[in-house]
Amino acid sequence: MRYRLTFIAGVALGYVLGTRAGRERYEQLKKSAREFAQNPAVRNAAESAAQTSREVAGKAFAAVSDTIGDRMPDAVADRVRSLRERGQGGGEDDWGTTNT
């Protein structure tokens, strides 16, 4: 899935940079992208994916920390801890959406 999204983003970027349609077409594409990003279904899917990734990261951290014990780098432990807190807080995430 990640590679598919990367490919689509690359194609879109290549089209925008390589098109001869000019500024008008660029503005039209930009408006379409903004409308897509503000679509409630897309926002809900992004929120769901973010929440799921936080849960998986927490479970993975717990499994790895049980296995390697005190050898877990502090930077990794702090990052996972901050992700857990953000997921439980119910506030806004980096995308400007709420976890509702």
Protein backbone atom coordinates (compact mmCIF):
# COMPACT_ATOMS: atom_id res chain seq x y z
CA MET A 1 0.00 0.00 0.00
CA ARG A 2 2.81 2.39 0.87
CA TYR A 3 4.47 1.82 -2.49
CA ARG A 4 1.19 2.37 -4.32
CA LEU A 5 0.66 5.71 -2.57
CA THR A 6 4.25 6.73 -3.26
CA PHE A 7 3.82 5.84 -6.91
CA ILE A 8 0.55 7.80 -7.20
CA ALA A 9 2.14 10.81 -5.49
CA GLY A 10 5.10 10.59 -7.88
CA VAL A 11 2.84 10.42 -10.91
CA ALA A 12 0.82 13.40 -9.68
CA LEU A 13 3.95 15.41 -8.97
CA GLY A 14 5.42 14.52 -12.35
CA TYR A 15 2.24 15.52 -14.08
CA VAL A 16 2.06 18.85 -12.30
CA LEU A 17 5.72 19.63 -12.96
CA GLY A 18 5.68 18.36 -16.53
CA THR A 19 2.36 19.67 -17.76
CA ARG A 20 2.16 22.48 -20.25
CA ALA A 21 -1.35 23.39 -19.19
CA GLY A 22 0.03 26.20 -17.07
CA ARG A 23 -0.99 27.87 -13.88
CA GLU A 24 -4.72 27.37 -14.38
CA ARG A 25 -4.43 23.59 -14.44
CA TYR A 26 -2.10 23.70 -11.42
CA GLU A 27 -4.65 25.71 -9.44
CA GLN A 28 -7.40 23.31 -10.49
CA LEU A 29 -5.36 20.32 -9.27
CA LYS A 30 -4.50 22.09 -6.04
CA LYS A 31 -8.18 22.83 -5.38
CA SER A 32 -9.11 19.20 -6.08
CA ALA A 33 -6.42 17.94 -3.71
CA ARG A 34 -7.59 20.32 -0.98
CA GLU A 35 -11.22 19.20 -1.40
CA PHE A 36 -10.13 15.56 -1.28
CA ALA A 37 -8.12 16.10 1.89
CA GLN A 38 -11.05 17.87 3.57
CA ASN A 39 -13.53 15.14 2.68
CA PRO A 40 -14.96 13.69 5.93
CA ALA A 41 -14.53 10.11 4.71
CA VAL A 42 -10.85 10.69 3.94
CA ARG A 43 -10.29 12.43 7.28
CA ASN A 44 -11.98 9.57 9.16
CA ALA A 45 -9.86 7.01 7.31
CA ALA A 46 -6.70 8.97 8.18
CA GLU A 47 -7.75 9.18 11.83
CA SER A 48 -8.49 5.47 11.93
CA ALA A 49 -5.13 4.62 10.37
CA ALA A 50 -3.31 6.90 12.82
CA GLN A 51 -5.08 5.36 15.82
CA THR A 52 -4.39 1.83 14.61
CA SER A 53 -0.72 2.63 14.04
CA ARG A 54 -0.44 4.04 17.57
CA GLU A 55 -1.96 0.88 19.02
CA VAL A 56 0.32 -1.37 16.96
CA ALA A 57 3.38 0.70 17.94
CA GLY A 58 2.46 0.36 21.60
CA LYS A 59 2.02 -3.40 21.32
CA ALA A 60 5.27 -3.76 19.39
CA PHE A 61 7.10 -1.64 21.96
CA ALA A 62 5.76 -3.80 24.79
CA ALA A 63 6.79 -7.01 23.01
CA VAL A 64 10.25 -5.72 22.16
CA SER A 65 10.86 -4.21 25.59
CA ASP A 66 9.91 -7.54 27.22
CA THR A 67 12.42 -9.27 24.97
CA ILE A 68 15.38 -6.90 25.26
CA GLY A 69 14.68 -5.42 28.68
CA ASP A 70 16.73 -2.41 29.71
CA ARG A 71 18.65 -2.25 26.44
CA MET A 72 15.83 -0.21 24.84
CA PRO A 73 17.21 3.22 23.85
CA ASP A 74 15.65 6.09 25.79
CA ALA A 75 14.80 7.93 22.57
CA VAL A 76 12.65 5.03 21.37
CA ALA A 77 10.93 4.66 24.74
CA ASP A 78 10.19 8.39 24.88
CA ARG A 79 8.78 8.45 21.35
CA VAL A 80 6.44 5.52 21.96
CA ARG A 81 5.36 7.02 25.27
CA SER A 82 4.48 10.31 23.54
CA LEU A 83 2.51 8.44 20.86
CA ARG A 84 0.55 6.60 23.54
CA GLU A 85 -0.24 9.82 25.38
CA ARG A 86 -1.34 11.55 22.19
CA GLY A 87 -3.60 8.62 21.30
CA GLN A 88 -5.23 8.61 24.73
CA GLY A 89 -5.61 12.38 24.97
CA GLY A 90 -8.34 12.59 22.36
CA GLY A 91 -6.94 15.90 21.12
CA GLU A 92 -5.78 16.95 17.72
CA ASP A 93 -3.05 15.08 15.92
CA ASP A 94 -0.44 16.42 13.47
CA TRP A 95 -3.00 16.42 10.66
CA GLY A 96 -5.32 18.86 12.41
CA THR A 97 -8.01 16.25 12.88
CA THR A 98 -9.61 15.13 16.11
CA ASN A 99 -9.82 11.60 17.40
CA THR A 100 -13.58 11.33 17.65
